[in-house]
Protein backbone atom coordinates (compact mmCIF):
# COMPACT_ATOMS: atom_id res chain seq x y z
CA MET A 1 0.00 0.00 0.00
CA SER A 2 1.42 3.39 -1.02
CA ASN A 3 1.76 6.23 1.42
CA GLN A 4 -1.14 8.63 1.70
CA ALA A 5 -0.70 12.23 0.58
CA VAL A 6 -2.10 14.46 3.32
CA GLN A 7 -2.06 18.07 4.44
CA PHE A 8 -2.31 18.82 8.14
CA SER A 9 -2.84 22.23 9.66
CA LYS A 10 -0.15 24.25 11.40
CA LYS A 11 0.34 23.41 15.05
CA LYS A 12 -1.11 25.89 17.50
CA ARG A 13 1.63 27.41 19.64
CA THR A 14 1.02 28.63 23.19
CA LYS A 15 3.35 30.00 25.83
CA TYR A 16 2.33 27.25 28.25
CA HIS A 17 0.96 23.81 27.43
CA PHE A 18 -1.89 24.17 29.94
CA GLN A 19 -3.32 26.95 27.78
CA LYS A 20 -4.46 24.28 25.30
CA LEU A 21 -6.70 22.68 27.91
CA LYS A 22 -10.44 23.24 27.52
CA MET A 23 -13.55 21.85 29.13
CA CYS A 24 -17.09 21.07 28.06
CA LYS A 25 -19.24 22.47 30.88
CA LYS A 26 -22.14 20.23 29.87
CA CYS A 27 -20.18 16.94 29.84
CA ASN A 28 -17.72 18.21 32.45
CA ARG A 29 -14.94 16.69 30.29
CA TYR A 30 -11.53 18.14 29.46
CA SER A 31 -9.86 18.03 26.04
CA VAL A 32 -6.57 19.16 24.50
CA LEU A 33 -7.71 19.01 20.87
CA LYS A 34 -8.27 22.00 18.64
CA ASP A 35 -12.01 21.33 18.18
CA ASP A 36 -14.31 24.18 19.21
CA ASN A 37 -17.25 21.89 19.97
CA CYS A 38 -17.51 18.83 22.16
CA PRO A 39 -17.78 15.70 19.93
CA THR A 40 -20.13 14.09 22.48
CA CYS A 41 -22.78 16.75 23.08
CA GLY A 42 -21.90 19.47 20.56
CA SER A 43 -21.54 22.22 23.19
CA PHE A 44 -18.79 24.82 22.95
CA PHE A 45 -15.60 24.16 24.85
CA ILE A 46 -14.44 26.79 27.34
CA GLY A 47 -10.69 27.37 27.55
CA ILE A 48 -8.88 26.72 30.82
CA GLU A 49 -7.94 30.40 31.17
CA ALA A 50 -11.51 31.56 30.61
CA LEU A 51 -12.68 28.92 33.09
CA VAL A 52 -10.22 30.10 35.74
CA LYS A 53 -11.24 33.73 35.17
CA PHE A 54 -14.89 32.75 35.55
CA ILE A 55 -14.15 30.93 38.84
CA PHE A 56 -11.97 33.81 40.02
CA LYS A 57 -14.66 36.43 39.25
CA ASN A 58 -17.26 34.35 41.08
CA ARG A 59 -14.98 34.16 44.11
CA LEU A 60 -14.46 37.95 44.07
CA PHE A 61 -18.20 38.50 43.71
CA THR A 62 -18.91 36.17 46.66
CA GLU A 63 -16.32 37.88 48.85
CA SER A 64 -17.72 41.31 47.89
CA MET A 65 -21.22 40.22 48.81
CA TRP A 66 -20.04 39.01 52.23
CA ILE A 67 -18.29 42.34 52.84
CA ILE A 68 -21.45 44.28 51.93
CA ILE A 69 -23.58 42.00 54.15
CA PHE A 70 -21.27 42.48 57.18
CA VAL A 71 -21.19 46.27 56.64
CA CYS A 72 -24.99 46.36 56.40
CA ILE A 73 -25.30 44.29 59.58
CA GLY A 74 -22.90 46.67 61.34
CA ILE A 75 -24.90 49.70 60.17
CA SER A 76 -28.25 48.22 61.22
CA ALA A 77 -26.86 47.17 64.61
CA ALA A 78 -25.23 50.55 65.40
CA PRO A 79 -26.70 51.77 68.74
CA THR A 80 -25.84 55.45 68.23
CA VAL A 81 -25.31 57.92 65.41
CA ASN A 82 -21.56 58.08 66.17
CA ALA A 83 -21.35 54.30 66.05
CA LEU A 84 -23.20 54.40 62.72
CA TYR A 85 -20.63 56.84 61.31
CA TYR A 86 -17.74 54.71 62.63
CA THR A 87 -19.25 51.60 61.08
CA ILE A 88 -19.76 53.29 57.68
CA SER A 89 -16.21 54.73 57.77
CA ALA A 90 -14.73 51.37 58.73
CA GLY A 91 -16.74 49.66 56.00
CA VAL A 92 -15.64 52.16 53.34
CA ILE A 93 -11.98 51.85 54.40
CA PHE A 94 -12.21 48.05 54.39
CA VAL A 95 -13.78 48.01 50.90
CA ILE A 96 -11.10 50.40 49.56
CA CYS A 97 -8.30 48.25 51.04
CA TYR A 98 -9.90 45.12 49.63
CA VAL A 99 -10.11 46.64 46.13
CA ILE A 100 -6.49 47.89 46.27
CA LEU A 101 -5.13 44.55 47.50
CA THR A 102 -7.16 42.68 44.91
CA PHE A 103 -5.70 44.75 42.06
CA LEU A 104 -2.17 44.45 43.49
CA PHE A 105 -2.27 40.67 43.78
CA ILE A 106 -4.78 39.80 41.06
CA LYS A 107 -2.16 38.10 38.86
CA SER A 108 -0.74 35.93 41.62
CA GLU A 109 -4.26 35.11 42.85
CA TYR A 110 -5.18 34.09 39.32
CA PHE A 111 -2.26 31.63 39.12
CA ILE A 112 -3.06 30.29 42.59
CA GLN A 113 -6.59 29.58 41.42
CA LEU A 114 -5.23 28.01 38.22
CA LYS A 115 -2.88 25.68 40.13
CA LYS A 116 -5.69 24.73 42.47
CA LEU A 117 -8.00 23.89 39.57
CA LEU A 118 -5.34 21.82 37.77
CA ARG A 119 -4.51 19.95 40.96
CA VAL A 120 -8.14 19.22 41.86
CA ASP A 121 -9.13 18.24 38.30
CA LEU A 122 -5.95 16.29 37.47
CA ARG A 123 -7.77 12.97 37.22
CA LYS A 124 -10.51 14.51 35.08
CA ILE A 125 -7.88 16.00 32.77
CA ALA A 126 -6.22 12.58 32.40
CA THR A 127 -9.60 10.98 31.62
CA GLY A 128 -10.28 13.67 29.01
CA ILE A 129 -6.92 13.07 27.30
CA GLN A 130 -7.64 9.33 27.24
CA PHE A 131 -10.90 10.11 25.46
CA ASP A 132 -8.96 12.27 22.96
CA SER A 133 -6.62 9.30 22.38
CA LYS A 134 -9.64 7.11 21.68
CA LEU A 135 -10.80 9.59 19.02
CA ALA A 136 -7.32 9.51 17.46
CA LYS A 137 -7.42 5.69 17.33
CA GLU A 138 -10.77 5.83 15.55
CA ASP A 139 -9.30 8.21 12.96
CA ILE A 140 -6.37 5.82 12.38
CA LEU A 141 -8.72 2.88 11.85
CA GLU A 142 -10.75 4.96 9.38
CA GLU A 143 -7.52 6.00 7.57
CA ARG A 144 -8.07 9.68 8.45
CA LEU A 145 -4.34 10.10 8.93
CA ALA A 146 -4.14 13.90 8.98
CA ALA A 147 -6.88 14.17 11.61
CA ALA A 148 -5.33 11.35 13.64
CA TYR A 149 -1.87 12.90 13.60
CA GLU A 150 -3.15 16.35 14.56
CA LYS A 151 -4.88 14.81 17.57
CA LEU A 152 -1.82 12.79 18.58
CA ARG A 153 0.37 15.86 18.13
CA GLU A 154 -1.71 17.83 20.64
CA ILE A 155 -1.84 14.88 23.04
CA GLY A 156 1.94 14.58 22.77
CA ASP A 157 2.35 17.98 24.43
CA PHE A 158 0.87 16.49 27.62
CA ILE A 159 1.90 12.83 27.45
CA HIS A 160 5.57 12.16 26.68
CA ASN A 161 5.71 8.36 26.89
CA ASP A 162 6.98 6.06 24.13
CA GLN A 163 3.49 4.76 23.35
CA VAL A 164 2.30 8.15 22.10
CA LYS A 165 5.59 8.87 20.30
CA VAL A 166 5.61 5.53 18.46
CA ARG A 167 1.94 5.90 17.53
CA ARG A 168 2.67 9.31 16.03
CA VAL A 169 5.63 7.91 14.11
CA MET A 170 3.60 4.98 12.77
CA VAL A 171 0.99 7.42 11.45
CA LEU A 172 3.71 9.59 9.86
CA ASN A 173 5.21 6.51 8.19
CA LYS A 174 1.91 6.01 6.36
CA MET A 175 2.10 9.53 4.93
CA PHE A 176 3.91 10.89 1.92
CA LEU A 177 6.24 13.39 3.63
CA ARG A 178 7.00 16.73 1.99
CA SER A 179 9.28 19.64 2.76
CA ASP A 180 6.33 22.03 3.26
CA MET A 181 5.02 19.96 6.19
CA GLU A 182 5.61 21.05 9.76
CA LEU A 183 7.59 17.94 10.65
CA GLU A 184 9.01 17.11 14.08
CA LEU A 185 11.84 14.78 14.98
CA GLU A 186 13.57 15.40 18.31
CA GLU A 187 10.22 15.47 20.11
CA LEU A 188 9.51 11.94 18.83
CA ILE A 189 12.73 10.24 19.95
CA PRO A 190 11.79 7.18 22.05
CA SER A 191 13.70 6.02 25.12
CA SER A 192 14.71 2.72 23.49
CA TYR A 193 15.37 1.43 19.98
CA ASP A 194 12.37 1.52 17.68
CA LYS A 195 12.68 0.71 13.98
CA TYR A 196 9.57 2.74 13.10
CA PHE A 197 11.21 5.86 14.45
CA VAL A 198 14.45 5.13 12.58
CA LYS A 199 12.51 4.64 9.35
CA TYR A 200 10.76 7.98 9.87
CA ALA A 201 14.00 9.77 10.82
CA LEU A 202 15.76 8.53 7.68
CA GLU A 203 12.90 9.89 5.56
CA VAL A 204 13.08 13.24 7.36
CA LEU A 205 16.82 13.28 6.73
CA LYS A 206 16.16 13.22 2.99
CA ILE A 207 13.74 16.15 3.26
CA ASN A 208 15.16 18.48 5.92
CA ARG A 209 18.58 17.79 7.43
CA SER A 210 18.27 20.75 9.79
CA LEU A 211 15.85 18.66 11.92
CA ILE A 212 18.67 16.21 12.74
CA THR A 213 19.82 17.55 16.10
CA LYS A 214 22.51 16.46 18.52
CA LYS A 215 20.01 14.35 20.46
CA CYS A 216 18.89 12.57 17.29
CA LEU A 217 22.48 11.88 16.22
CA ALA A 218 23.23 10.45 19.66
CA TYR A 219 20.21 8.13 19.28
CA PHE A 220 21.51 6.77 15.96
CA ILE A 221 25.01 6.29 17.34
CA ASN A 222 23.82 4.55 20.52
CA HIS A 223 21.70 2.11 18.50
CA ARG A 224 23.98 1.77 15.46
CA ASP A 225 24.26 -2.04 15.67
CA ALA A 226 20.48 -2.55 15.55
CA ILE A 227 20.16 0.09 12.81
CA ILE A 228 22.74 -1.66 10.63
CA ILE A 229 20.83 -4.95 11.01
CA ASP A 230 17.45 -3.38 10.08
CA PHE A 231 18.48 -0.69 7.59
CA GLY A 232 22.04 -1.42 6.49
CA LEU A 233 25.31 0.46 6.79
CA ASP A 234 24.28 3.10 4.25
CA SER A 235 21.72 4.47 6.70
CA LEU A 236 24.43 5.27 9.24
CA LEU A 237 26.64 6.78 6.54
CA THR A 238 23.72 9.06 5.63
CA VAL A 239 23.47 10.14 9.27
CA ALA A 240 27.23 10.69 9.35
CA GLY A 241 26.81 13.10 6.46
CA SER A 242 24.56 15.19 8.71
CA ILE A 243 27.28 15.29 11.37
CA LEU A 244 29.61 16.87 8.82
CA ARG A 245 27.23 19.83 8.50
CA MET A 246 28.64 21.46 11.64
CA LYS A 247 32.14 21.45 13.11
CA LEU A 248 30.67 21.33 16.64
CA TYR A 249 28.95 18.06 15.75
CA ILE A 250 32.19 16.74 14.27
CA LEU A 251 34.02 17.41 17.53
CA GLU A 252 31.17 15.96 19.59
CA PHE A 253 30.93 12.72 17.56
CA SER A 254 34.55 12.40 16.41
CA GLU A 255 34.78 8.77 17.58
CA PHE A 256 31.79 7.80 15.44
CA ILE A 257 33.34 9.51 12.39
CA GLN A 258 36.62 7.68 12.98
CA GLU A 259 34.76 4.36 13.26
CA PHE A 260 33.13 4.76 9.86
CA LEU A 261 35.67 6.97 8.09
CA ALA A 262 36.81 4.13 5.82
CA TYR A 263 33.23 3.69 4.58
CA PHE A 264 32.64 7.37 3.78
CA PRO A 265 32.13 8.25 0.12
CA LYS A 266 34.73 10.54 -1.40
CA GLU A 267 32.62 13.71 -1.15
CA ARG A 268 32.16 13.22 2.60
CA VAL A 269 35.88 12.75 3.16
CA LEU A 270 36.50 15.83 1.04
CA ARG A 271 34.13 17.88 3.19
CA LEU A 272 35.76 16.62 6.38
CA CYS A 273 39.19 17.61 5.08
CA SER A 274 37.85 21.02 4.06
CA ILE A 275 36.48 21.69 7.57
CA ILE A 276 39.70 20.56 9.26
CA HIS A 277 41.81 22.58 6.83
CA SER A 278 39.70 25.72 7.36
CA ASN A 279 39.96 25.53 11.17
CA PRO A 280 43.65 25.00 12.02
CA GLU A 281 43.18 26.59 15.45
CA ILE A 282 40.96 23.72 16.61
CA ASN A 283 42.50 20.69 18.25
CA TRP A 284 40.98 17.84 16.24
CA GLY A 285 42.75 15.20 18.32
CA SER A 286 42.75 11.60 17.09
CA LEU A 287 40.19 12.42 14.37
CA GLY A 288 42.71 14.75 12.74
CA GLU A 289 45.45 12.12 12.91
CA GLU A 290 43.20 9.37 11.57
CA THR A 291 41.96 11.59 8.72
CA LYS A 292 45.58 12.44 7.86
CA ARG A 293 46.56 8.77 7.63
CA PHE A 294 43.44 7.79 5.70
CA VAL A 295 43.78 10.56 3.09
CA ALA A 296 47.52 9.96 2.70
CA LYS A 297 46.83 6.28 2.07
CA LYS A 298 43.77 6.44 -0.20
CA TYR A 299 43.64 9.92 -1.79
CA HIS A 300 47.29 11.03 -1.94
CA TYR A 301 47.29 11.17 -5.76
CA ASP A 302 43.72 12.46 -6.12
CA PRO A 303 43.80 16.04 -7.50
CA ASP A 304 40.70 16.97 -5.48
CA PHE A 305 42.76 16.47 -2.30
CA LYS A 306 45.88 18.23 -3.57
CA ARG A 307 45.28 21.40 -1.54
CA PHE A 308 44.92 19.36 1.64
CA VAL A 309 48.03 17.15 1.20
CA ASN A 310 51.61 18.43 1.37
CA ASP A 311 54.59 17.07 -0.48
CA GLU A 312 55.32 14.51 2.25
CA GLY A 313 51.90 12.99 1.80
CA THR A 314 50.38 14.31 5.04
CA LEU A 315 47.34 16.45 5.58
CA ASN A 316 47.96 20.19 5.98
CA HIS A 317 47.00 22.03 9.19
CA VAL A 318 46.38 18.91 11.28
C-alpha cells in the first residue's frame, strides 16, 4: 500500500501547554484538541484560562457580597449615630483596602486559582486526554491520517511516553512526507530502539537535514548495531553526512566519524578535510590524525585532495 498524501494544519503554539486545555461544561470533560465543539454533546468548549477567570470572578463576587452584608449588619446594629458613622467609615476603608489589594495581587491570585484547579481536576484531565486518544485511534482505523496525527500531536504535548511517540511515528510513516510539512523529529525520539522511528527519521533526513539535532544523532550512534541490522550500513553513513554539516557536531561525535571513516564516500571525506583545513586553530585530536593517515593512504594522488596534502603525503593544518 502506497503512502497517503495528506495536508495537516499548522500546530497551535502557546506560551504554556496548559493553555491548550479546555472543558465542556455540559459533559464536564476536558480536552486538548483544537475542536471548538464537544464531539459528544456538541456544546462549545471553554478554555482553561476563561474557566479560571470565571471561577476567580465568582470568588471575588462572593467575597464582595459578604463584605457588603457584614457592613450592612454593622450599620443596622449601630446603637448610636456616632457608632453608625464609625461603622460606615470602617466599612468604606475596608472596601477600599480590599479593592487595592485585589488589584495588586490579582495576577498571583489568578495563578493560585489556576494551580488549584489543575490539581483538583488532574484525574478529570487525564480521563479527558484518554478520550482524545480514543478519538485519534478511531481516525487511524478509518484512515483519516491527517486528523489522527493532529490529535496525537496535541496529546503529545501532555503525554511524553513512548506509546504516544511511536503511535505518532507509525501514522507519519503512512504519509507521503513533503518539505512544506511542519515535521518534528527530536520530540519523537523514544527512550529505546524503535525501527519505526528510525525509518521515519531517515525519511526526514532526505527532506530536511536541519531537523537532525545532537540528540537525534546520539540516538543513531547509541543504536547503530540494531540500525545496521534493520536498515544497512548506508543508513548510518547518511546520518554521518549530517554530522559533517557542523564542526561542533564533528568534535562531539569524532569517535563515530573515525569508526566509519573508511566507509565514507569521497565527497564526505572531502568535506571533512575542508572543515579541518579551514579551522587550524581547533585541536581535532585523534580524528585529525586518523583523517591524515586515511587521506595519505587512499587519496594522496587524487587532484581533489591536492590542496589538503603536502609534499610529504600528510594532511595540511592537522
